[in-house]
Amino acid sequence: MSQATNNLASLSSNSNFRQNIVEESFKELGRRIERGAYYDKGRKDGKEEGKIEGKIEGEIEGLGLLLQVRFGELGLQLIPKIRTIQDLDKLNSLLPLAMNAQNIQELEHGLASFLSGKK
């Protein structure tokens, strides 16, 4: 044990050894801080994405209820097409179409135009 202590003492008096130990310690500390920062950013980004996804899902659910009330089962058959839209602003712009369409054909036509980018 005393031999190991003596070896460690002689190494600690070596300035290059001490410098290498300090540099490696700071590098490791930097890596840990960087990982923590990435973790925090990823967590924050994930929360924001989750909120947006929740709003999108809520908008789709609301449109589904409106279509079911207005057009019954035929209205619900349009939901798979509406689910392809993952942009909240675009989904919000569908609401007036769903509310004001005179019949299911007008709604289908408007939705097709919307999906093809004409609206």
Protein backbone atom coordinates (compact mmCIF):
# COMPACT_ATOMS: atom_id res chain seq x y z
CA MET A 1 0.00 0.00 0.00
CA SER A 2 2.82 2.39 0.86
CA GLN A 3 4.40 1.67 -2.54
CA ALA A 4 1.18 2.73 -4.29
CA THR A 5 1.02 5.86 -2.15
CA ASN A 6 4.63 6.69 -3.01
CA ASN A 7 3.95 6.14 -6.73
CA LEU A 8 0.89 8.39 -6.60
CA ALA A 9 2.82 11.05 -4.72
CA SER A 10 5.61 11.01 -7.32
CA LEU A 11 3.07 11.27 -10.15
CA SER A 12 1.29 14.16 -8.48
CA SER A 13 4.55 16.08 -8.27
CA ASN A 14 4.96 15.71 -12.05
CA SER A 15 3.54 18.93 -13.58
CA ASN A 16 2.68 17.29 -16.93
CA PHE A 17 0.71 14.59 -15.14
CA ARG A 18 -1.19 17.17 -13.07
CA GLN A 19 -1.92 19.25 -16.17
CA ASN A 20 -3.23 16.19 -18.04
CA ILE A 21 -5.45 15.23 -15.09
CA VAL A 22 -6.88 18.75 -14.88
CA GLU A 23 -7.42 18.97 -18.65
CA GLU A 24 -9.17 15.60 -18.78
CA SER A 25 -11.30 16.50 -15.78
CA PHE A 26 -12.41 19.74 -17.43
CA LYS A 27 -13.08 17.96 -20.73
CA GLU A 28 -15.26 15.42 -18.96
CA LEU A 29 -17.05 18.20 -17.08
CA GLY A 30 -17.65 19.98 -20.40
CA ARG A 31 -19.06 16.81 -21.95
CA ARG A 32 -21.41 16.35 -19.01
CA ILE A 33 -22.60 19.96 -19.21
CA GLU A 34 -23.11 19.64 -22.96
CA ARG A 35 -25.10 16.41 -22.56
CA GLY A 36 -27.24 18.11 -19.92
CA ALA A 37 -27.88 21.08 -22.21
CA TYR A 38 -28.87 18.80 -25.08
CA TYR A 39 -31.12 16.84 -22.75
CA ASP A 40 -32.84 20.01 -21.55
CA LYS A 41 -33.26 21.32 -25.10
CA GLY A 42 -34.62 17.97 -26.28
CA ARG A 43 -37.04 17.87 -23.40
CA LYS A 44 -38.25 21.41 -24.08
CA ASP A 45 -38.57 20.74 -27.82
CA GLY A 46 -40.46 17.54 -27.07
CA LYS A 47 -42.92 19.37 -24.84
CA GLU A 48 -43.56 21.98 -27.54
CA GLU A 49 -44.05 19.31 -30.20
CA GLY A 50 -46.44 17.48 -27.88
CA LYS A 51 -48.48 20.63 -27.37
CA ILE A 52 -48.71 21.24 -31.10
CA GLU A 53 -49.63 17.60 -31.78
CA GLY A 54 -52.31 17.85 -29.09
CA LYS A 55 -53.76 20.98 -30.68
CA ILE A 56 -53.75 19.33 -34.10
CA GLU A 57 -55.50 16.25 -32.72
CA GLY A 58 -58.04 18.48 -30.95
CA GLU A 59 -58.77 20.38 -34.14
CA ILE A 60 -59.26 17.12 -36.05
CA GLU A 61 -61.57 15.83 -33.30
CA GLY A 62 -63.57 19.06 -33.44
CA LEU A 63 -63.87 18.89 -37.20
CA GLY A 64 -64.95 15.26 -36.87
CA LEU A 65 -67.75 16.18 -34.49
CA LEU A 66 -68.89 19.02 -36.73
CA LEU A 67 -68.87 16.77 -39.79
CA GLN A 68 -70.76 14.05 -37.95
CA VAL A 69 -73.43 16.49 -36.78
CA ARG A 70 -73.80 18.12 -40.19
CA PHE A 71 -73.39 15.15 -42.53
CA GLY A 72 -73.60 11.99 -40.42
CA GLU A 73 -71.55 8.97 -41.43
CA LEU A 74 -70.64 10.56 -44.79
CA GLY A 75 -68.94 13.41 -42.95
CA LEU A 76 -66.94 11.01 -40.81
CA GLN A 77 -65.66 9.27 -43.93
CA LEU A 78 -63.65 12.43 -44.70
CA ILE A 79 -61.66 12.26 -41.46
CA PRO A 80 -58.85 10.04 -42.84
CA LYS A 81 -58.18 12.67 -45.51
CA ILE A 82 -58.29 15.44 -42.93
CA ARG A 83 -55.85 13.51 -40.70
CA THR A 84 -53.22 13.84 -43.44
CA ILE A 85 -53.10 17.57 -42.68
CA GLN A 86 -50.63 18.11 -39.85
CA ASP A 87 -50.54 21.90 -39.98
CA LEU A 88 -52.67 23.65 -37.37
CA ASP A 89 -53.24 26.79 -39.46
CA LYS A 90 -54.44 24.70 -42.41
CA LEU A 91 -56.77 22.72 -40.16
CA ASN A 92 -58.17 25.93 -38.72
CA SER A 93 -58.86 27.22 -42.22
CA LEU A 94 -60.99 24.11 -42.92
CA LEU A 95 -63.49 25.07 -40.23
CA PRO A 96 -65.39 27.66 -42.32
CA LEU A 97 -65.60 25.16 -45.18
CA ALA A 98 -67.02 22.49 -42.86
CA MET A 99 -69.47 24.96 -41.33
CA ASN A 100 -70.70 26.57 -44.55
CA ALA A 101 -70.78 23.74 -47.10
CA GLN A 102 -74.34 23.29 -48.37
CA ASN A 103 -73.92 19.54 -48.82
CA ILE A 104 -71.38 16.74 -48.56
CA GLN A 105 -70.41 17.08 -52.22
CA GLU A 106 -69.48 20.74 -51.75
CA LEU A 107 -67.44 19.79 -48.70
CA GLU A 108 -65.69 16.95 -50.56
CA HIS A 109 -64.91 19.25 -53.48
CA GLY A 110 -63.57 21.96 -51.16
CA LEU A 111 -61.48 19.45 -49.25
CA ALA A 112 -60.05 18.00 -52.48
CA SER A 113 -59.14 21.50 -53.65
CA PHE A 114 -57.60 22.24 -50.29
CA LEU A 115 -55.54 19.04 -50.29
CA SER A 116 -54.31 19.65 -53.83
CA GLY A 117 -53.10 23.10 -52.75
CA LYS A 118 -55.64 25.19 -54.61
CA LYS A 119 -56.96 26.77 -51.41
